[in-house]
N, C-alpha and C. Protein backbone atom coordinates (compact mmCIF):
# COMPACT_ATOMS: atom_id res chain seq x y z
N UNK A 1 -8.10 16.00 -6.85
CA UNK A 1 -8.15 14.54 -6.63
C UNK A 1 -6.73 13.94 -6.88
N UNK A 2 -6.37 13.14 -5.89
CA UNK A 2 -5.03 12.46 -5.94
C UNK A 2 -5.11 11.24 -6.91
N UNK A 3 -4.18 11.19 -7.79
CA UNK A 3 -4.16 10.09 -8.76
C UNK A 3 -3.70 8.78 -8.14
N UNK A 4 -4.12 7.68 -8.69
CA UNK A 4 -3.73 6.32 -8.19
C UNK A 4 -2.22 6.16 -8.32
N UNK A 5 -1.63 6.76 -9.36
CA UNK A 5 -0.20 6.68 -9.55
C UNK A 5 0.57 7.27 -8.44
N UNK A 6 0.10 8.44 -7.97
CA UNK A 6 0.77 9.13 -6.84
C UNK A 6 0.69 8.32 -5.63
N UNK A 7 -0.50 7.79 -5.32
CA UNK A 7 -0.67 6.96 -4.10
C UNK A 7 0.24 5.75 -4.13
N UNK A 8 0.31 5.13 -5.35
CA UNK A 8 1.17 3.94 -5.46
C UNK A 8 2.58 4.25 -5.15
N UNK A 9 3.11 5.34 -5.68
CA UNK A 9 4.47 5.77 -5.44
C UNK A 9 4.68 6.15 -3.97
N UNK A 10 3.71 6.83 -3.42
CA UNK A 10 3.79 7.30 -2.04
C UNK A 10 3.93 6.10 -1.09
N UNK A 11 3.08 5.09 -1.24
CA UNK A 11 3.10 3.96 -0.39
C UNK A 11 4.43 3.20 -0.60
N UNK A 12 4.92 3.22 -1.83
CA UNK A 12 6.14 2.50 -2.15
C UNK A 12 7.35 3.14 -1.42
N UNK A 13 7.40 4.44 -1.48
CA UNK A 13 8.51 5.18 -0.83
C UNK A 13 8.40 5.10 0.69
N UNK A 14 7.15 5.10 1.17
CA UNK A 14 6.96 4.97 2.63
C UNK A 14 7.48 3.65 3.11
N UNK A 15 7.27 2.61 2.32
CA UNK A 15 7.73 1.28 2.65
C UNK A 15 9.25 1.20 2.64
N UNK A 16 9.81 1.79 1.58
CA UNK A 16 11.25 1.84 1.41
C UNK A 16 11.94 2.56 2.61
N UNK A 17 11.32 3.69 2.98
CA UNK A 17 11.84 4.48 4.05
C UNK A 17 11.73 3.71 5.35
N UNK A 18 10.61 2.97 5.54
CA UNK A 18 10.46 2.18 6.76
C UNK A 18 11.52 1.14 6.89
N UNK A 19 11.81 0.43 5.80
CA UNK A 19 12.82 -0.58 5.77
C UNK A 19 14.19 -0.01 6.03
N UNK A 20 14.43 1.21 5.40
CA UNK A 20 15.72 1.86 5.53
C UNK A 20 15.98 2.23 6.99
N UNK A 21 14.95 2.83 7.63
CA UNK A 21 15.15 3.24 9.04
C UNK A 21 15.24 2.05 10.03
N UNK A 22 14.53 0.99 9.73
CA UNK A 22 14.60 -0.18 10.56
C UNK A 22 15.96 -0.82 10.48
N UNK A 23 16.52 -0.80 9.25
CA UNK A 23 17.86 -1.32 9.04
C UNK A 23 18.88 -0.55 9.85
N UNK A 24 18.75 0.80 9.82
CA UNK A 24 19.67 1.70 10.54
C UNK A 24 19.52 1.46 12.07
N UNK A 25 18.27 1.33 12.51
CA UNK A 25 18.05 1.05 13.94
C UNK A 25 18.65 -0.27 14.37
N UNK A 26 18.47 -1.32 13.59
CA UNK A 26 18.98 -2.58 13.88
C UNK A 26 20.56 -2.56 13.90
N UNK A 27 21.09 -1.84 12.97
CA UNK A 27 22.51 -1.77 12.83
C UNK A 27 23.14 -1.04 14.03
N UNK A 28 22.52 0.12 14.42
CA UNK A 28 23.01 0.91 15.56
C UNK A 28 22.82 0.13 16.85
N UNK A 29 21.80 -0.64 16.97
CA UNK A 29 21.53 -1.45 18.18
C UNK A 29 22.57 -2.51 18.32
N UNK A 30 22.84 -3.24 17.19
CA UNK A 30 23.81 -4.32 17.23
C UNK A 30 25.23 -3.80 17.47
N UNK A 31 25.56 -2.65 16.87
CA UNK A 31 26.86 -2.09 17.03
C UNK A 31 27.09 -1.58 18.45
N UNK A 32 26.05 -0.99 19.01
CA UNK A 32 26.16 -0.47 20.35
C UNK A 32 26.27 -1.58 21.41
N UNK A 33 25.53 -2.69 21.20
CA UNK A 33 25.60 -3.82 22.11
C UNK A 33 26.92 -4.54 22.00
N UNK A 34 27.51 -4.57 20.81
CA UNK A 34 28.78 -5.28 20.64
C UNK A 34 29.91 -4.44 21.28
N UNK A 35 29.78 -3.13 21.19
CA UNK A 35 30.82 -2.26 21.74
C UNK A 35 30.75 -2.22 23.24
N UNK A 36 29.61 -2.54 23.82
CA UNK A 36 29.52 -2.42 25.28
C UNK A 36 30.09 -3.69 25.94
N UNK A 37 30.30 -4.72 25.14
CA UNK A 37 30.89 -5.98 25.68
C UNK A 37 32.33 -5.80 25.98
């Protein structure tokens, strides 16, 4: 049985990872669009 503590941490890190990757994607998109100008 998975503990509530583990689920809490798992969802937390999933959210952090999601924000992390979305920031990278936004950064690479903005940098690529600015370099194409």
